[in-house]
ModelCIF file with pLDDT and N, C-alpha, C, O atoms, coordinates in Angstrom:
data_MODEL
#
_entry.id   MODEL 
#
_entity.id                         1 
_entity.type                       polymer 
_entity.pdbx_number_of_molecules   1 
#
_entity_poly.entity_id                      1 
_entity_poly.type                           'polypeptide(L)' 
_entity_poly.nstd_linkage                   no 
_entity_poly.nstd_monomer                   no 
_entity_poly.pdbx_seq_one_letter_code       IEELVSGSGDNHELFAMGTREPWLSEGARSLFGDRDFHAIDGFKSSEE 
_entity_poly.pdbx_seq_one_letter_code_can   IEELVSGSGDNHELFAMGTREPWLSEGARSLFGDRDFHAIDGFKSSEE 
_entity_poly.pdbx_strand_id                 A 
#
loop_
_entity_poly_seq.entity_id 
_entity_poly_seq.num 
_entity_poly_seq.mon_id 
_entity_poly_seq.hetero 
1 1  ILE n 
1 2  GLU n 
1 3  GLU n 
1 4  LEU n 
1 5  VAL n 
1 6  SER n 
1 7  GLY n 
1 8  SER n 
1 9  GLY n 
1 10 ASP n 
1 11 ASN n 
1 12 HIS n 
1 13 GLU n 
1 14 LEU n 
1 15 PHE n 
1 16 ALA n 
1 17 MET n 
1 18 GLY n 
1 19 THR n 
1 20 ARG n 
1 21 GLU n 
1 22 PRO n 
1 23 TRP n 
1 24 LEU n 
1 25 SER n 
1 26 GLU n 
1 27 GLY n 
1 28 ALA n 
1 29 ARG n 
1 30 SER n 
1 31 LEU n 
1 32 PHE n 
1 33 GLY n 
1 34 ASP n 
1 35 ARG n 
1 36 ASP n 
1 37 PHE n 
1 38 HIS n 
1 39 ALA n 
1 40 ILE n 
1 41 ASP n 
1 42 GLY n 
1 43 PHE n 
1 44 LYS n 
1 45 SER n 
1 46 SER n 
1 47 GLU n 
1 48 GLU n 
#
_struct_asym.id          A 
_struct_asym.entity_id   1 
#
loop_
_ma_qa_metric.id 
_ma_qa_metric.mode 
_ma_qa_metric.name 
_ma_qa_metric.software_group_id 
_ma_qa_metric.type 
1 global pLDDT . pLDDT 
2 local  pLDDT . pLDDT 
#
_ma_qa_metric_global.metric_id      1 
_ma_qa_metric_global.metric_value   93.69 
_ma_qa_metric_global.model_id       1 
_ma_qa_metric_global.ordinal_id     1 
#
loop_
_ma_qa_metric_local.label_asym_id 
_ma_qa_metric_local.label_comp_id 
_ma_qa_metric_local.label_seq_id 
_ma_qa_metric_local.metric_id 
_ma_qa_metric_local.metric_value 
_ma_qa_metric_local.model_id 
_ma_qa_metric_local.ordinal_id 
A ILE 1  2 96.00 1 1  
A GLU 2  2 94.00 1 2  
A GLU 3  2 94.00 1 3  
A LEU 4  2 94.00 1 4  
A VAL 5  2 92.00 1 5  
A SER 6  2 87.00 1 6  
A GLY 7  2 71.00 1 7  
A SER 8  2 69.00 1 8  
A GLY 9  2 65.00 1 9  
A ASP 10 2 73.00 1 10 
A ASN 11 2 90.00 1 11 
A HIS 12 2 93.00 1 12 
A GLU 13 2 96.00 1 13 
A LEU 14 2 97.00 1 14 
A PHE 15 2 98.00 1 15 
A ALA 16 2 98.00 1 16 
A MET 17 2 98.00 1 17 
A GLY 18 2 97.00 1 18 
A THR 19 2 96.00 1 19 
A ARG 20 2 96.00 1 20 
A GLU 21 2 97.00 1 21 
A PRO 22 2 97.00 1 22 
A TRP 23 2 97.00 1 23 
A LEU 24 2 98.00 1 24 
A SER 25 2 97.00 1 25 
A GLU 26 2 97.00 1 26 
A GLY 27 2 97.00 1 27 
A ALA 28 2 98.00 1 28 
A ARG 29 2 97.00 1 29 
A SER 30 2 96.00 1 30 
A LEU 31 2 96.00 1 31 
A PHE 32 2 96.00 1 32 
A GLY 33 2 93.00 1 33 
A ASP 34 2 90.00 1 34 
A ARG 35 2 93.00 1 35 
A ASP 36 2 95.00 1 36 
A PHE 37 2 97.00 1 37 
A HIS 38 2 98.00 1 38 
A ALA 39 2 98.00 1 39 
A ILE 40 2 98.00 1 40 
A ASP 41 2 98.00 1 41 
A GLY 42 2 96.00 1 42 
A PHE 43 2 97.00 1 43 
A LYS 44 2 97.00 1 44 
A SER 45 2 97.00 1 45 
A SER 46 2 97.00 1 46 
A GLU 47 2 98.00 1 47 
A GLU 48 2 98.00 1 48 
#
loop_
_atom_site.group_PDB 
_atom_site.id 
_atom_site.type_symbol 
_atom_site.label_atom_id 
_atom_site.label_alt_id 
_atom_site.label_comp_id 
_atom_site.label_asym_id 
_atom_site.label_entity_id 
_atom_site.label_seq_id 
_atom_site.pdbx_PDB_ins_code 
_atom_site.Cartn_x 
_atom_site.Cartn_y 
_atom_site.Cartn_z 
_atom_site.occupancy 
_atom_site.B_iso_or_equiv 
_atom_site.pdbx_formal_charge 
_atom_site.auth_seq_id 
_atom_site.auth_comp_id 
_atom_site.auth_asym_id 
_atom_site.auth_atom_id 
_atom_site.pdbx_PDB_model_num 
ATOM 1   N N  . ILE A 1 1  ? 110.116 33.296 142.418 1.00 96.00 ? 1  ILE A N  1 
ATOM 2   C CA . ILE A 1 1  ? 108.926 34.560 143.344 1.00 96.00 ? 1  ILE A CA 1 
ATOM 3   C C  . ILE A 1 1  ? 109.182 35.860 144.260 1.00 96.00 ? 1  ILE A C  1 
ATOM 4   O O  . ILE A 1 1  ? 108.347 36.458 144.938 1.00 96.00 ? 1  ILE A O  1 
ATOM 5   N N  . GLU A 1 2  ? 110.784 36.192 144.077 1.00 94.00 ? 2  GLU A N  1 
ATOM 6   C CA . GLU A 1 2  ? 111.435 37.766 144.084 1.00 94.00 ? 2  GLU A CA 1 
ATOM 7   C C  . GLU A 1 2  ? 110.483 38.290 143.194 1.00 94.00 ? 2  GLU A C  1 
ATOM 8   O O  . GLU A 1 2  ? 109.435 38.882 143.454 1.00 94.00 ? 2  GLU A O  1 
ATOM 9   N N  . GLU A 1 3  ? 111.073 37.943 141.910 1.00 94.00 ? 3  GLU A N  1 
ATOM 10  C CA . GLU A 1 3  ? 110.529 38.899 140.903 1.00 94.00 ? 3  GLU A CA 1 
ATOM 11  C C  . GLU A 1 3  ? 109.105 38.975 140.697 1.00 94.00 ? 3  GLU A C  1 
ATOM 12  O O  . GLU A 1 3  ? 108.724 39.843 139.912 1.00 94.00 ? 3  GLU A O  1 
ATOM 13  N N  . LEU A 1 4  ? 108.077 38.098 141.349 1.00 94.00 ? 4  LEU A N  1 
ATOM 14  C CA . LEU A 1 4  ? 106.505 37.814 141.459 1.00 94.00 ? 4  LEU A CA 1 
ATOM 15  C C  . LEU A 1 4  ? 106.294 38.602 142.615 1.00 94.00 ? 4  LEU A C  1 
ATOM 16  O O  . LEU A 1 4  ? 105.317 39.297 142.337 1.00 94.00 ? 4  LEU A O  1 
ATOM 17  N N  . VAL A 1 5  ? 106.630 38.842 143.626 1.00 92.00 ? 5  VAL A N  1 
ATOM 18  C CA . VAL A 1 5  ? 106.075 39.435 144.755 1.00 92.00 ? 5  VAL A CA 1 
ATOM 19  C C  . VAL A 1 5  ? 106.784 40.642 145.089 1.00 92.00 ? 5  VAL A C  1 
ATOM 20  O O  . VAL A 1 5  ? 105.922 41.481 145.355 1.00 92.00 ? 5  VAL A O  1 
ATOM 21  N N  . SER A 1 6  ? 108.044 41.189 145.218 1.00 87.00 ? 6  SER A N  1 
ATOM 22  C CA . SER A 1 6  ? 108.694 42.586 144.842 1.00 87.00 ? 6  SER A CA 1 
ATOM 23  C C  . SER A 1 6  ? 108.062 43.621 144.220 1.00 87.00 ? 6  SER A C  1 
ATOM 24  O O  . SER A 1 6  ? 108.184 43.756 143.002 1.00 87.00 ? 6  SER A O  1 
ATOM 25  N N  . GLY A 1 7  ? 107.410 44.369 144.868 1.00 71.00 ? 7  GLY A N  1 
ATOM 26  C CA . GLY A 1 7  ? 106.251 45.539 144.956 1.00 71.00 ? 7  GLY A CA 1 
ATOM 27  C C  . GLY A 1 7  ? 105.578 45.409 144.661 1.00 71.00 ? 7  GLY A C  1 
ATOM 28  O O  . GLY A 1 7  ? 105.154 46.131 143.758 1.00 71.00 ? 7  GLY A O  1 
ATOM 29  N N  . SER A 1 8  ? 104.940 44.481 145.099 1.00 69.00 ? 8  SER A N  1 
ATOM 30  C CA . SER A 1 8  ? 103.249 44.099 145.348 1.00 69.00 ? 8  SER A CA 1 
ATOM 31  C C  . SER A 1 8  ? 102.705 44.190 146.216 1.00 69.00 ? 8  SER A C  1 
ATOM 32  O O  . SER A 1 8  ? 101.780 43.450 146.551 1.00 69.00 ? 8  SER A O  1 
ATOM 33  N N  . GLY A 1 9  ? 103.151 45.170 146.850 1.00 65.00 ? 9  GLY A N  1 
ATOM 34  C CA . GLY A 1 9  ? 102.348 45.245 148.232 1.00 65.00 ? 9  GLY A CA 1 
ATOM 35  C C  . GLY A 1 9  ? 102.032 44.008 148.925 1.00 65.00 ? 9  GLY A C  1 
ATOM 36  O O  . GLY A 1 9  ? 102.793 43.041 148.889 1.00 65.00 ? 9  GLY A O  1 
ATOM 37  N N  . ASP A 1 10 ? 100.634 44.014 149.723 1.00 73.00 ? 10 ASP A N  1 
ATOM 38  C CA . ASP A 1 10 ? 99.980  43.121 150.244 1.00 73.00 ? 10 ASP A CA 1 
ATOM 39  C C  . ASP A 1 10 ? 99.254  42.454 149.887 1.00 73.00 ? 10 ASP A C  1 
ATOM 40  O O  . ASP A 1 10 ? 98.324  41.978 150.538 1.00 73.00 ? 10 ASP A O  1 
ATOM 41  N N  . ASN A 1 11 ? 99.785  42.071 147.594 1.00 90.00 ? 11 ASN A N  1 
ATOM 42  C CA . ASN A 1 11 ? 98.387  41.346 146.873 1.00 90.00 ? 11 ASN A CA 1 
ATOM 43  C C  . ASN A 1 11 ? 99.061  40.185 147.416 1.00 90.00 ? 11 ASN A C  1 
ATOM 44  O O  . ASN A 1 11 ? 98.121  39.533 147.870 1.00 90.00 ? 11 ASN A O  1 
ATOM 45  N N  . HIS A 1 12 ? 100.220 39.473 147.665 1.00 93.00 ? 12 HIS A N  1 
ATOM 46  C CA . HIS A 1 12 ? 100.262 37.762 147.243 1.00 93.00 ? 12 HIS A CA 1 
ATOM 47  C C  . HIS A 1 12 ? 99.956  37.684 149.296 1.00 93.00 ? 12 HIS A C  1 
ATOM 48  O O  . HIS A 1 12 ? 99.759  38.540 150.158 1.00 93.00 ? 12 HIS A O  1 
ATOM 49  N N  . GLU A 1 13 ? 100.106 35.789 149.289 1.00 96.00 ? 13 GLU A N  1 
ATOM 50  C CA . GLU A 1 13 ? 100.057 35.656 150.346 1.00 96.00 ? 13 GLU A CA 1 
ATOM 51  C C  . GLU A 1 13 ? 100.704 34.357 150.320 1.00 96.00 ? 13 GLU A C  1 
ATOM 52  O O  . GLU A 1 13 ? 100.172 33.522 149.587 1.00 96.00 ? 13 GLU A O  1 
ATOM 53  N N  . LEU A 1 14 ? 101.825 33.982 151.019 1.00 97.00 ? 14 LEU A N  1 
ATOM 54  C CA . LEU A 1 14 ? 102.929 32.672 151.263 1.00 97.00 ? 14 LEU A CA 1 
ATOM 55  C C  . LEU A 1 14 ? 102.726 32.034 151.713 1.00 97.00 ? 14 LEU A C  1 
ATOM 56  O O  . LEU A 1 14 ? 102.059 32.187 152.737 1.00 97.00 ? 14 LEU A O  1 
ATOM 57  N N  . PHE A 1 15 ? 103.306 30.357 151.136 1.00 98.00 ? 15 PHE A N  1 
ATOM 58  C CA . PHE A 1 15 ? 103.118 29.349 151.873 1.00 98.00 ? 15 PHE A CA 1 
ATOM 59  C C  . PHE A 1 15 ? 103.725 28.676 151.296 1.00 98.00 ? 15 PHE A C  1 
ATOM 60  O O  . PHE A 1 15 ? 103.768 28.726 150.067 1.00 98.00 ? 15 PHE A O  1 
ATOM 61  N N  . ALA A 1 16 ? 104.529 27.649 152.167 1.00 98.00 ? 16 ALA A N  1 
ATOM 62  C CA . ALA A 1 16 ? 106.096 26.748 152.685 1.00 98.00 ? 16 ALA A CA 1 
ATOM 63  C C  . ALA A 1 16 ? 105.118 25.690 153.056 1.00 98.00 ? 16 ALA A C  1 
ATOM 64  O O  . ALA A 1 16 ? 104.220 26.029 153.827 1.00 98.00 ? 16 ALA A O  1 
ATOM 65  N N  . MET A 1 17 ? 105.153 24.333 152.585 1.00 98.00 ? 17 MET A N  1 
ATOM 66  C CA . MET A 1 17 ? 104.075 22.467 152.651 1.00 98.00 ? 17 MET A CA 1 
ATOM 67  C C  . MET A 1 17 ? 105.355 22.345 152.685 1.00 98.00 ? 17 MET A C  1 
ATOM 68  O O  . MET A 1 17 ? 105.998 23.233 152.125 1.00 98.00 ? 17 MET A O  1 
ATOM 69  N N  . GLY A 1 18 ? 105.965 21.423 153.228 1.00 97.00 ? 18 GLY A N  1 
ATOM 70  C CA . GLY A 1 18 ? 107.601 20.757 152.917 1.00 97.00 ? 18 GLY A CA 1 
ATOM 71  C C  . GLY A 1 18 ? 108.376 19.994 154.028 1.00 97.00 ? 18 GLY A C  1 
ATOM 72  O O  . GLY A 1 18 ? 107.918 20.103 155.165 1.00 97.00 ? 18 GLY A O  1 
ATOM 73  N N  . THR A 1 19 ? 109.261 19.392 153.887 1.00 96.00 ? 19 THR A N  1 
ATOM 74  C CA . THR A 1 19 ? 109.940 19.217 154.745 1.00 96.00 ? 19 THR A CA 1 
ATOM 75  C C  . THR A 1 19 ? 109.158 18.871 156.346 1.00 96.00 ? 19 THR A C  1 
ATOM 76  O O  . THR A 1 19 ? 107.982 18.599 156.587 1.00 96.00 ? 19 THR A O  1 
ATOM 77  N N  . ARG A 1 20 ? 110.555 19.036 157.437 1.00 96.00 ? 20 ARG A N  1 
ATOM 78  C CA . ARG A 1 20 ? 109.810 19.189 158.894 1.00 96.00 ? 20 ARG A CA 1 
ATOM 79  C C  . ARG A 1 20 ? 110.786 20.185 159.472 1.00 96.00 ? 20 ARG A C  1 
ATOM 80  O O  . ARG A 1 20 ? 111.824 20.489 158.882 1.00 96.00 ? 20 ARG A O  1 
ATOM 81  N N  . GLU A 1 21 ? 110.209 21.001 161.371 1.00 97.00 ? 21 GLU A N  1 
ATOM 82  C CA . GLU A 1 21 ? 111.276 21.734 161.522 1.00 97.00 ? 21 GLU A CA 1 
ATOM 83  C C  . GLU A 1 21 ? 112.150 20.708 162.191 1.00 97.00 ? 21 GLU A C  1 
ATOM 84  O O  . GLU A 1 21 ? 111.937 19.536 162.503 1.00 97.00 ? 21 GLU A O  1 
ATOM 85  N N  . PRO A 1 22 ? 113.646 21.831 162.373 1.00 97.00 ? 22 PRO A N  1 
ATOM 86  C CA . PRO A 1 22 ? 113.381 23.498 161.792 1.00 97.00 ? 22 PRO A CA 1 
ATOM 87  C C  . PRO A 1 22 ? 113.638 23.739 160.768 1.00 97.00 ? 22 PRO A C  1 
ATOM 88  O O  . PRO A 1 22 ? 113.994 24.894 160.538 1.00 97.00 ? 22 PRO A O  1 
ATOM 89  N N  . TRP A 1 23 ? 113.571 22.658 159.552 1.00 97.00 ? 23 TRP A N  1 
ATOM 90  C CA . TRP A 1 23 ? 114.053 23.349 158.250 1.00 97.00 ? 23 TRP A CA 1 
ATOM 91  C C  . TRP A 1 23 ? 112.858 24.225 157.529 1.00 97.00 ? 23 TRP A C  1 
ATOM 92  O O  . TRP A 1 23 ? 112.689 24.919 156.526 1.00 97.00 ? 23 TRP A O  1 
ATOM 93  N N  . LEU A 1 24 ? 112.483 23.978 158.128 1.00 98.00 ? 24 LEU A N  1 
ATOM 94  C CA . LEU A 1 24 ? 110.825 24.291 157.506 1.00 98.00 ? 24 LEU A CA 1 
ATOM 95  C C  . LEU A 1 24 ? 110.670 26.379 157.355 1.00 98.00 ? 24 LEU A C  1 
ATOM 96  O O  . LEU A 1 24 ? 110.561 27.281 156.525 1.00 98.00 ? 24 LEU A O  1 
ATOM 97  N N  . SER A 1 25 ? 110.777 26.100 158.938 1.00 97.00 ? 25 SER A N  1 
ATOM 98  C CA . SER A 1 25 ? 110.198 27.481 158.850 1.00 97.00 ? 25 SER A CA 1 
ATOM 99  C C  . SER A 1 25 ? 111.582 28.416 158.800 1.00 97.00 ? 25 SER A C  1 
ATOM 100 O O  . SER A 1 25 ? 111.718 29.606 158.515 1.00 97.00 ? 25 SER A O  1 
ATOM 101 N N  . GLU A 1 26 ? 112.749 27.192 159.271 1.00 97.00 ? 26 GLU A N  1 
ATOM 102 C CA . GLU A 1 26 ? 114.245 28.023 158.315 1.00 97.00 ? 26 GLU A CA 1 
ATOM 103 C C  . GLU A 1 26 ? 114.184 28.457 157.336 1.00 97.00 ? 26 GLU A C  1 
ATOM 104 O O  . GLU A 1 26 ? 114.297 29.677 157.216 1.00 97.00 ? 26 GLU A O  1 
ATOM 105 N N  . GLY A 1 27 ? 113.919 27.399 155.915 1.00 97.00 ? 27 GLY A N  1 
ATOM 106 C CA . GLY A 1 27 ? 113.649 27.344 154.407 1.00 97.00 ? 27 GLY A CA 1 
ATOM 107 C C  . GLY A 1 27 ? 112.432 28.762 154.570 1.00 97.00 ? 27 GLY A C  1 
ATOM 108 O O  . GLY A 1 27 ? 112.126 29.943 154.407 1.00 97.00 ? 27 GLY A O  1 
ATOM 109 N N  . ALA A 1 28 ? 112.231 27.833 154.886 1.00 98.00 ? 28 ALA A N  1 
ATOM 110 C CA . ALA A 1 28 ? 110.759 29.077 154.763 1.00 98.00 ? 28 ALA A CA 1 
ATOM 111 C C  . ALA A 1 28 ? 110.819 31.247 154.303 1.00 98.00 ? 28 ALA A C  1 
ATOM 112 O O  . ALA A 1 28 ? 110.299 31.988 153.469 1.00 98.00 ? 28 ALA A O  1 
ATOM 113 N N  . ARG A 1 29 ? 111.758 31.380 155.450 1.00 97.00 ? 29 ARG A N  1 
ATOM 114 C CA . ARG A 1 29 ? 112.336 32.303 156.358 1.00 97.00 ? 29 ARG A CA 1 
ATOM 115 C C  . ARG A 1 29 ? 113.302 32.838 154.942 1.00 97.00 ? 29 ARG A C  1 
ATOM 116 O O  . ARG A 1 29 ? 113.296 34.029 154.628 1.00 97.00 ? 29 ARG A O  1 
ATOM 117 N N  . SER A 1 30 ? 113.966 31.989 154.296 1.00 96.00 ? 30 SER A N  1 
ATOM 118 C CA . SER A 1 30 ? 115.495 32.037 153.535 1.00 96.00 ? 30 SER A CA 1 
ATOM 119 C C  . SER A 1 30 ? 114.382 32.736 152.007 1.00 96.00 ? 30 SER A C  1 
ATOM 120 O O  . SER A 1 30 ? 114.576 33.839 151.495 1.00 96.00 ? 30 SER A O  1 
ATOM 121 N N  . LEU A 1 31 ? 113.515 31.949 151.662 1.00 96.00 ? 31 LEU A N  1 
ATOM 122 C CA . LEU A 1 31 ? 112.869 32.030 150.406 1.00 96.00 ? 31 LEU A CA 1 
ATOM 123 C C  . LEU A 1 31 ? 111.746 33.194 150.694 1.00 96.00 ? 31 LEU A C  1 
ATOM 124 O O  . LEU A 1 31 ? 110.964 33.523 149.802 1.00 96.00 ? 31 LEU A O  1 
ATOM 125 N N  . PHE A 1 32 ? 111.725 33.633 151.642 1.00 96.00 ? 32 PHE A N  1 
ATOM 126 C CA . PHE A 1 32 ? 110.063 34.643 151.675 1.00 96.00 ? 32 PHE A CA 1 
ATOM 127 C C  . PHE A 1 32 ? 110.268 35.897 152.043 1.00 96.00 ? 32 PHE A C  1 
ATOM 128 O O  . PHE A 1 32 ? 109.429 36.798 152.017 1.00 96.00 ? 32 PHE A O  1 
ATOM 129 N N  . GLY A 1 33 ? 111.781 35.998 152.512 1.00 93.00 ? 33 GLY A N  1 
ATOM 130 C CA . GLY A 1 33 ? 112.742 37.163 153.158 1.00 93.00 ? 33 GLY A CA 1 
ATOM 131 C C  . GLY A 1 33 ? 111.912 37.520 154.250 1.00 93.00 ? 33 GLY A C  1 
ATOM 132 O O  . GLY A 1 33 ? 111.173 36.621 154.651 1.00 93.00 ? 33 GLY A O  1 
ATOM 133 N N  . ASP A 1 34 ? 111.845 38.795 154.923 1.00 90.00 ? 34 ASP A N  1 
ATOM 134 C CA . ASP A 1 34 ? 111.614 39.344 155.919 1.00 90.00 ? 34 ASP A CA 1 
ATOM 135 C C  . ASP A 1 34 ? 109.004 39.570 155.824 1.00 90.00 ? 34 ASP A C  1 
ATOM 136 O O  . ASP A 1 34 ? 108.328 40.342 156.503 1.00 90.00 ? 34 ASP A O  1 
ATOM 137 N N  . ARG A 1 35 ? 108.386 38.325 154.522 1.00 93.00 ? 35 ARG A N  1 
ATOM 138 C CA . ARG A 1 35 ? 107.211 38.328 154.289 1.00 93.00 ? 35 ARG A CA 1 
ATOM 139 C C  . ARG A 1 35 ? 107.500 37.422 155.436 1.00 93.00 ? 35 ARG A C  1 
ATOM 140 O O  . ARG A 1 35 ? 108.378 36.695 155.901 1.00 93.00 ? 35 ARG A O  1 
ATOM 141 N N  . ASP A 1 36 ? 105.745 38.050 155.735 1.00 95.00 ? 36 ASP A N  1 
ATOM 142 C CA . ASP A 1 36 ? 104.856 37.075 156.605 1.00 95.00 ? 36 ASP A CA 1 
ATOM 143 C C  . ASP A 1 36 ? 104.681 36.063 155.284 1.00 95.00 ? 36 ASP A C  1 
ATOM 144 O O  . ASP A 1 36 ? 104.564 36.320 154.086 1.00 95.00 ? 36 ASP A O  1 
ATOM 145 N N  . PHE A 1 37 ? 104.710 34.973 155.922 1.00 97.00 ? 37 PHE A N  1 
ATOM 146 C CA . PHE A 1 37 ? 103.907 33.361 155.517 1.00 97.00 ? 37 PHE A CA 1 
ATOM 147 C C  . PHE A 1 37 ? 103.237 32.472 156.553 1.00 97.00 ? 37 PHE A C  1 
ATOM 148 O O  . PHE A 1 37 ? 102.770 33.134 157.480 1.00 97.00 ? 37 PHE A O  1 
ATOM 149 N N  . HIS A 1 38 ? 103.055 31.143 156.659 1.00 98.00 ? 38 HIS A N  1 
ATOM 150 C CA . HIS A 1 38 ? 102.689 29.915 155.987 1.00 98.00 ? 38 HIS A CA 1 
ATOM 151 C C  . HIS A 1 38 ? 103.049 28.476 156.900 1.00 98.00 ? 38 HIS A C  1 
ATOM 152 O O  . HIS A 1 38 ? 101.897 28.076 157.065 1.00 98.00 ? 38 HIS A O  1 
ATOM 153 N N  . ALA A 1 39 ? 103.434 28.029 157.202 1.00 98.00 ? 39 ALA A N  1 
ATOM 154 C CA . ALA A 1 39 ? 104.123 26.827 156.315 1.00 98.00 ? 39 ALA A CA 1 
ATOM 155 C C  . ALA A 1 39 ? 103.459 25.607 157.342 1.00 98.00 ? 39 ALA A C  1 
ATOM 156 O O  . ALA A 1 39 ? 102.673 25.730 158.281 1.00 98.00 ? 39 ALA A O  1 
ATOM 157 N N  . ILE A 1 40 ? 104.027 24.538 156.836 1.00 98.00 ? 40 ILE A N  1 
ATOM 158 C CA . ILE A 1 40 ? 103.035 22.865 157.140 1.00 98.00 ? 40 ILE A CA 1 
ATOM 159 C C  . ILE A 1 40 ? 104.390 22.535 156.761 1.00 98.00 ? 40 ILE A C  1 
ATOM 160 O O  . ILE A 1 40 ? 105.187 22.964 155.927 1.00 98.00 ? 40 ILE A O  1 
ATOM 161 N N  . ASP A 1 41 ? 104.394 21.602 157.676 1.00 98.00 ? 41 ASP A N  1 
ATOM 162 C CA . ASP A 1 41 ? 105.049 19.927 157.316 1.00 98.00 ? 41 ASP A CA 1 
ATOM 163 C C  . ASP A 1 41 ? 104.898 18.889 155.967 1.00 98.00 ? 41 ASP A C  1 
ATOM 164 O O  . ASP A 1 41 ? 103.827 18.838 155.361 1.00 98.00 ? 41 ASP A O  1 
ATOM 165 N N  . GLY A 1 42 ? 105.806 18.254 155.651 1.00 96.00 ? 42 GLY A N  1 
ATOM 166 C CA . GLY A 1 42 ? 105.155 17.298 154.430 1.00 96.00 ? 42 GLY A CA 1 
ATOM 167 C C  . GLY A 1 42 ? 104.665 16.299 154.394 1.00 96.00 ? 42 GLY A C  1 
ATOM 168 O O  . GLY A 1 42 ? 104.734 15.691 153.325 1.00 96.00 ? 42 GLY A O  1 
ATOM 169 N N  . PHE A 1 43 ? 104.045 15.758 155.386 1.00 97.00 ? 43 PHE A N  1 
ATOM 170 C CA . PHE A 1 43 ? 103.959 14.864 156.206 1.00 97.00 ? 43 PHE A CA 1 
ATOM 171 C C  . PHE A 1 43 ? 102.365 15.017 156.480 1.00 97.00 ? 43 PHE A C  1 
ATOM 172 O O  . PHE A 1 43 ? 102.054 15.001 157.671 1.00 97.00 ? 43 PHE A O  1 
ATOM 173 N N  . LYS A 1 44 ? 101.129 15.190 155.367 1.00 97.00 ? 44 LYS A N  1 
ATOM 174 C CA . LYS A 1 44 ? 100.227 15.590 155.746 1.00 97.00 ? 44 LYS A CA 1 
ATOM 175 C C  . LYS A 1 44 ? 99.369  14.969 154.379 1.00 97.00 ? 44 LYS A C  1 
ATOM 176 O O  . LYS A 1 44 ? 99.753  14.746 153.231 1.00 97.00 ? 44 LYS A O  1 
ATOM 177 N N  . SER A 1 45 ? 98.355  14.839 154.882 1.00 97.00 ? 45 SER A N  1 
ATOM 178 C CA . SER A 1 45 ? 96.810  14.550 153.824 1.00 97.00 ? 45 SER A CA 1 
ATOM 179 C C  . SER A 1 45 ? 96.707  15.227 152.996 1.00 97.00 ? 45 SER A C  1 
ATOM 180 O O  . SER A 1 45 ? 96.950  16.357 153.418 1.00 97.00 ? 45 SER A O  1 
ATOM 181 N N  . SER A 1 46 ? 96.331  15.252 151.344 1.00 97.00 ? 46 SER A N  1 
ATOM 182 C CA . SER A 1 46 ? 95.773  16.266 150.880 1.00 97.00 ? 46 SER A CA 1 
ATOM 183 C C  . SER A 1 46 ? 94.678  17.632 151.811 1.00 97.00 ? 46 SER A C  1 
ATOM 184 O O  . SER A 1 46 ? 94.602  18.857 151.900 1.00 97.00 ? 46 SER A O  1 
ATOM 185 N N  . GLU A 1 47 ? 94.095  16.552 152.269 1.00 98.00 ? 47 GLU A N  1 
ATOM 186 C CA . GLU A 1 47 ? 93.081  17.087 153.165 1.00 98.00 ? 47 GLU A CA 1 
ATOM 187 C C  . GLU A 1 47 ? 93.164  17.696 153.779 1.00 98.00 ? 47 GLU A C  1 
ATOM 188 O O  . GLU A 1 47 ? 92.154  18.375 153.971 1.00 98.00 ? 47 GLU A O  1 
ATOM 189 N N  . GLU A 1 48 ? 94.381  18.001 154.614 1.00 98.00 ? 48 GLU A N  1 
ATOM 190 C CA . GLU A 1 48 ? 94.933  18.399 155.508 1.00 98.00 ? 48 GLU A CA 1 
ATOM 191 C C  . GLU A 1 48 ? 95.343  19.504 154.930 1.00 98.00 ? 48 GLU A C  1 
ATOM 192 O O  . GLU A 1 48 ? 96.028  20.311 155.558 1.00 98.00 ? 48 GLU A O  1 
#
């Protein structure tokens, strides 16, 4: 993720889908750094 996103400006958008809060948001912040992201827990249907 770091190699793909670094220096790419606003070309990427980041999604975290899995686990549950508070680990969902904490894990996404750790994984994506200070970049914006969208997060949803891991207990939904594929359609959701």
